[in-house]
C-alpha atoms as a PDB file:
ATOM      1  CA  UNK A   1      71.157-151.236   4.650  1.00  0.00           C
ATOM      2  CA  UNK A   2      70.995-153.777   7.472  1.00  0.00           C
ATOM      3  CA  UNK A   3      68.662-156.756   7.160  1.00  0.00           C
ATOM      4  CA  UNK A   4      66.275-157.367  10.057  1.00  0.00           C
ATOM      5  CA  UNK A   5      67.541-160.084  12.406  1.00  0.00           C
ATOM      6  CA  UNK A   6      64.261-162.029  12.036  1.00  0.00           C
ATOM      7  CA  UNK A   7      64.663-162.222   8.243  1.00  0.00           C
ATOM      8  CA  UNK A   8      68.266-163.351   8.443  1.00  0.00           C
ATOM      9  CA  UNK A   9      67.478-165.998  11.041  1.00  0.00           C
ATOM     10  CA  UNK A  10      64.570-167.477   9.111  1.00  0.00           C
ATOM     11  CA  UNK A  11      66.404-167.393   5.780  1.00  0.00           C
ATOM     12  CA  UNK A  12      69.639-168.832   7.129  1.00  0.00           C
ATOM     13  CA  UNK A  13      67.870-171.635   8.988  1.00  0.00           C
ATOM     14  CA  UNK A  14      65.948-172.850   5.911  1.00  0.00           C
ATOM     15  CA  UNK A  15      67.073-176.353   4.888  1.00  0.00           C
ATOM     16  CA  UNK A  16      68.060-175.341   1.339  1.00  0.00           C
ATOM     17  CA  UNK A  17      70.034-172.244   2.258  1.00  0.00           C
ATOM     18  CA  UNK A  18      73.248-173.899   3.444  1.00  0.00           C
ATOM     19  CA  UNK A  19      76.165-171.674   2.476  1.00  0.00           C
ATOM     20  CA  UNK A  20      78.373-172.807  -0.430  1.00  0.00           C
ATOM     21  CA  UNK A  21      81.971-171.852  -0.039  1.00  0.00           C
ATOM     22  CA  UNK A  22      81.134-169.455   2.771  1.00  0.00           C
ATOM     23  CA  UNK A  23      78.581-167.540   0.681  1.00  0.00           C
ATOM     24  CA  UNK A  24      74.866-167.232   1.285  1.00  0.00           C
ATOM     25  CA  UNK A  25      73.031-167.429  -2.027  1.00  0.00           C
ATOM     26  CA  UNK A  26      69.628-165.801  -2.343  1.00  0.00           C
ATOM     27  CA  UNK A  27      67.567-165.901  -5.533  1.00  0.00           C
ATOM     28  CA  UNK A  28      64.514-163.697  -5.984  1.00  0.00           C
ATOM     29  CA  UNK A  29      61.330-165.534  -7.055  1.00  0.00           C
ATOM     30  CA  UNK A  30      61.186-163.581 -10.336  1.00  0.00           C
ATOM     31  CA  UNK A  31      64.489-165.098 -11.421  1.00  0.00           C
ATOM     32  CA  UNK A  32      63.320-168.608 -10.480  1.00  0.00           C
ATOM     33  CA  UNK A  33      60.120-168.346 -12.515  1.00  0.00           C
ATOM     34  CA  UNK A  34      61.782-166.897 -15.598  1.00  0.00           C
ATOM     35  CA  UNK A  35      64.703-169.308 -16.020  1.00  0.00           C
ATOM     36  CA  UNK A  36      65.563-172.999 -16.013  1.00  0.00           C
ATOM     37  CA  UNK A  37      66.889-174.571 -12.841  1.00  0.00           C
ATOM     38  CA  UNK A  38      69.478-177.329 -13.033  1.00  0.00           C
ATOM     39  CA  UNK A  39      69.421-179.669 -10.055  1.00  0.00           C
ATOM     40  CA  UNK A  40      72.791-181.419  -9.835  1.00  0.00           C
ATOM     41  CA  UNK A  41      71.812-183.759  -7.002  1.00  0.00           C
ATOM     42  CA  UNK A  42      68.233-184.924  -7.661  1.00  0.00           C
ATOM     43  CA  UNK A  43      69.051-188.042  -9.704  1.00  0.00           C
ATOM     44  CA  UNK A  44      70.754-191.014  -8.020  1.00  0.00           C
ATOM     45  CA  UNK A  45      73.556-191.109 -10.603  1.00  0.00           C
ATOM     46  CA  UNK A  46      75.229-188.790 -13.094  1.00  0.00           C
ATOM     47  CA  UNK A  47      77.145-189.134 -16.308  1.00  0.00           C
ATOM     48  CA  UNK A  48      80.638-187.739 -16.253  1.00  0.00           C
ATOM     49  CA  UNK A  49      82.558-186.866 -19.399  1.00  0.00           C
ATOM     50  CA  UNK A  50      86.340-186.640 -19.668  1.00  0.00           C
ATOM     51  CA  UNK A  51      87.684-185.191 -22.930  1.00  0.00           C
ATOM     52  CA  UNK A  52      91.048-186.495 -24.102  1.00  0.00           C
ATOM     53  CA  UNK A  53      93.011-185.048 -27.006  1.00  0.00           C
ATOM     54  CA  UNK A  54      95.802-187.224 -28.415  1.00  0.00           C
ATOM     55  CA  UNK A  55      98.082-186.747 -31.426  1.00  0.00           C
ATOM     56  CA  UNK A  56      96.552-188.127 -34.613  1.00  0.00           C
ATOM     57  CA  UNK A  57      99.458-190.558 -34.942  1.00  0.00           C
ATOM     58  CA  UNK A  58      98.326-192.433 -31.821  1.00  0.00           C
ATOM     59  CA  UNK A  59      96.403-195.704 -32.128  1.00  0.00           C
ATOM     60  CA  UNK A  60      92.797-194.788 -31.230  1.00  0.00           C
ATOM     61  CA  UNK A  61      91.922-198.389 -30.330  1.00  0.00           C
ATOM     62  CA  UNK A  62      94.789-198.582 -27.849  1.00  0.00           C
ATOM     63  CA  UNK A  63      93.804-195.228 -26.299  1.00  0.00           C
ATOM     64  CA  UNK A  64      90.157-196.373 -26.078  1.00  0.00           C
ATOM     65  CA  UNK A  65      91.106-199.640 -24.332  1.00  0.00           C
ATOM     66  CA  UNK A  66      93.349-197.762 -21.910  1.00  0.00           C
ATOM     67  CA  UNK A  67      90.607-195.278 -20.973  1.00  0.00           C
ATOM     68  CA  UNK A  68      88.056-198.082 -20.528  1.00  0.00           C
ATOM     69  CA  UNK A  69      90.515-199.967 -18.330  1.00  0.00           C
ATOM     70  CA  UNK A  70      90.968-196.865 -16.154  1.00  0.00           C
ATOM     71  CA  UNK A  71      87.193-196.420 -15.801  1.00  0.00           C
ATOM     72  CA  UNK A  72      86.701-200.136 -15.076  1.00  0.00           C
ATOM     73  CA  UNK A  73      89.345-200.092 -12.345  1.00  0.00           C
ATOM     74  CA  UNK A  74      87.553-197.344 -10.388  1.00  0.00           C
ATOM     75  CA  UNK A  75      84.977-198.945  -8.086  1.00  0.00           C
ATOM     76  CA  UNK A  76      82.846-195.789  -8.123  1.00  0.00           C
ATOM     77  CA  UNK A  77      82.135-196.170 -11.853  1.00  0.00           C
ATOM     78  CA  UNK A  78      78.860-198.011 -12.419  1.00  0.00           C
ATOM     79  CA  UNK A  79      78.913-201.086 -14.653  1.00  0.00           C
ATOM     80  CA  UNK A  80      75.409-200.491 -15.989  1.00  0.00           C
ATOM     81  CA  UNK A  81      75.369-198.630 -18.268  1.00  0.00           C
ATOM     82  CA  UNK A  82      78.900-199.558 -19.203  1.00  0.00           C
ATOM     83  CA  UNK A  83      81.497-196.807 -19.668  1.00  0.00           C
ATOM     84  CA  UNK A  84      82.262-195.945 -23.267  1.00  0.00           C
ATOM     85  CA  UNK A  85      84.856-194.047 -25.249  1.00  0.00           C
ATOM     86  CA  UNK A  86      84.071-192.473 -28.598  1.00  0.00           C
ATOM     87  CA  UNK A  87      85.728-190.084 -31.045  1.00  0.00           C
ATOM     88  CA  UNK A  88      84.255-186.680 -30.288  1.00  0.00           C
ATOM     89  CA  UNK A  89      86.066-184.801 -33.050  1.00  0.00           C
ATOM     90  CA  UNK A  90      89.386-184.522 -34.841  1.00  0.00           C
ATOM     91  CA  UNK A  91      91.614-182.009 -36.531  1.00  0.00           C
ATOM     92  CA  UNK A  92      94.695-182.275 -38.699  1.00  0.00           C
ATOM     93  CA  UNK A  93      96.950-182.858 -35.716  1.00  0.00           C
ATOM     94  CA  UNK A  94      94.830-184.465 -32.983  1.00  0.00           C
ATOM     95  CA  UNK A  95      91.961-186.799 -32.224  1.00  0.00           C
ATOM     96  CA  UNK A  96      89.552-185.854 -29.437  1.00  0.00           C
ATOM     97  CA  UNK A  97      88.171-188.811 -27.512  1.00  0.00           C
ATOM     98  CA  UNK A  98      85.527-188.660 -24.811  1.00  0.00           C
ATOM     99  CA  UNK A  99      85.264-191.093 -21.919  1.00  0.00           C
ATOM    100  CA  UNK A 100      81.699-191.325 -20.599  1.00  0.00           C
ATOM    101  CA  UNK A 101      80.838-193.134 -17.396  1.00  0.00           C
ATOM    102  CA  UNK A 102      78.034-193.152 -14.826  1.00  0.00           C
ATOM    103  CA  UNK A 103      78.661-192.712 -11.113  1.00  0.00           C
ATOM    104  CA  UNK A 104      76.533-192.260  -7.997  1.00  0.00           C
ATOM    105  CA  UNK A 105      75.777-188.548  -7.644  1.00  0.00           C
ATOM    106  CA  UNK A 106      77.761-188.062  -4.396  1.00  0.00           C
ATOM    107  CA  UNK A 107      80.815-189.595  -6.123  1.00  0.00           C
ATOM    108  CA  UNK A 108      80.643-187.303  -9.158  1.00  0.00           C
ATOM    109  CA  UNK A 109      83.403-184.785  -8.416  1.00  0.00           C
ATOM    110  CA  UNK A 110      85.917-187.108  -6.718  1.00  0.00           C
ATOM    111  CA  UNK A 111      85.554-189.621  -9.561  1.00  0.00           C
ATOM    112  CA  UNK A 112      85.750-186.929 -12.254  1.00  0.00           C
ATOM    113  CA  UNK A 113      88.972-185.578 -10.782  1.00  0.00           C
ATOM    114  CA  UNK A 114      90.472-189.055 -10.318  1.00  0.00           C
ATOM    115  CA  UNK A 115      89.632-190.268 -13.834  1.00  0.00           C
ATOM    116  CA  UNK A 116      90.893-187.042 -15.394  1.00  0.00           C
ATOM    117  CA  UNK A 117      94.229-187.305 -13.605  1.00  0.00           C
ATOM    118  CA  UNK A 118      94.642-191.032 -14.172  1.00  0.00           C
ATOM    119  CA  UNK A 119      93.803-190.678 -17.880  1.00  0.00           C
ATOM    120  CA  UNK A 120      96.550-188.093 -18.326  1.00  0.00           C
ATOM    121  CA  UNK A 121      99.131-190.099 -16.380  1.00  0.00           C
ATOM    122  CA  UNK A 122      98.300-193.411 -18.061  1.00  0.00           C
ATOM    123  CA  UNK A 123      98.272-191.981 -21.585  1.00  0.00           C
ATOM    124  CA  UNK A 124     101.613-190.292 -20.966  1.00  0.00           C
ATOM    125  CA  UNK A 125     103.108-193.556 -19.647  1.00  0.00           C
ATOM    126  CA  UNK A 126     101.708-195.680 -22.464  1.00  0.00           C
ATOM    127  CA  UNK A 127     102.443-193.318 -25.324  1.00  0.00           C
ATOM    128  CA  UNK A 128     105.987-192.598 -24.220  1.00  0.00           C
ATOM    129  CA  UNK A 129     106.653-196.326 -23.658  1.00  0.00           C
ATOM    130  CA  UNK A 130     104.919-197.722 -26.758  1.00  0.00           C
ATOM    131  CA  UNK A 131     104.983-195.023 -29.395  1.00  0.00           C
ATOM    132  CA  UNK A 132     107.684-192.587 -28.334  1.00  0.00           C
ATOM    133  CA  UNK A 133     105.284-189.622 -28.260  1.00  0.00           C
ATOM    134  CA  UNK A 134     106.373-186.962 -25.808  1.00  0.00           C
ATOM    135  CA  UNK A 135     103.494-184.517 -25.806  1.00  0.00           C
ATOM    136  CA  UNK A 136     100.299-183.353 -27.375  1.00  0.00           C
ATOM    137  CA  UNK A 137      97.981-185.024 -24.849  1.00  0.00           C
ATOM    138  CA  UNK A 138      95.301-182.898 -23.262  1.00  0.00           C
ATOM    139  CA  UNK A 139      92.797-184.203 -20.731  1.00  0.00           C
ATOM    140  CA  UNK A 140      89.958-182.145 -19.263  1.00  0.00           C
ATOM    141  CA  UNK A 141      86.471-182.491 -17.778  1.00  0.00           C
ATOM    142  CA  UNK A 142      83.767-181.675 -20.302  1.00  0.00           C
ATOM    143  CA  UNK A 143      82.682-178.009 -19.998  1.00  0.00           C
ATOM    144  CA  UNK A 144      79.337-178.915 -21.598  1.00  0.00           C
ATOM    145  CA  UNK A 145      78.503-181.125 -18.594  1.00  0.00           C
ATOM    146  CA  UNK A 146      79.383-178.819 -15.688  1.00  0.00           C
ATOM    147  CA  UNK A 147      79.076-179.377 -11.997  1.00  0.00           C
ATOM    148  CA  UNK A 148      78.139-176.443  -9.763  1.00  0.00           C
ATOM    149  CA  UNK A 149      81.368-176.976  -7.840  1.00  0.00           C
ATOM    150  CA  UNK A 150      83.510-176.593 -10.984  1.00  0.00           C
ATOM    151  CA  UNK A 151      81.853-173.420 -12.278  1.00  0.00           C
ATOM    152  CA  UNK A 152      83.594-170.133 -11.615  1.00  0.00           C
ATOM    153  CA  UNK A 153      82.267-168.104  -8.755  1.00  0.00           C
ATOM    154  CA  UNK A 154      81.525-171.086  -6.512  1.00  0.00           C
END
């Protein structure tokens, strides 16, 4: 079935219908009224979460200071509220830390990617140099705090 040219023109010229990744996304009103809508760009800043898993033999305080230093060195990270690192969970072999920081909304993805990469590189450097650990470090953005750009299908 071909859509009428007038419908396509009016729908594609609407301000909120800019294509994402080359796809035009259309949502029927019924779906909008019956479900929650998450707006990822309405607020001026966003919290980003980076999960870090380190071997349980690693000094948590040292890892915390290292992650806070990484966040503090990135100019996109807001100082108020201050970044924090806390123990998210632990198992018999690892401790899961979470770095939380606030950034301006437009800086969310670039900062998330940069902090994630720098956390992995810095922890590898520090742990190999100081404690002789050679592996067991996992760093990932928090799947519970997704961005529309990081979800599959975008």
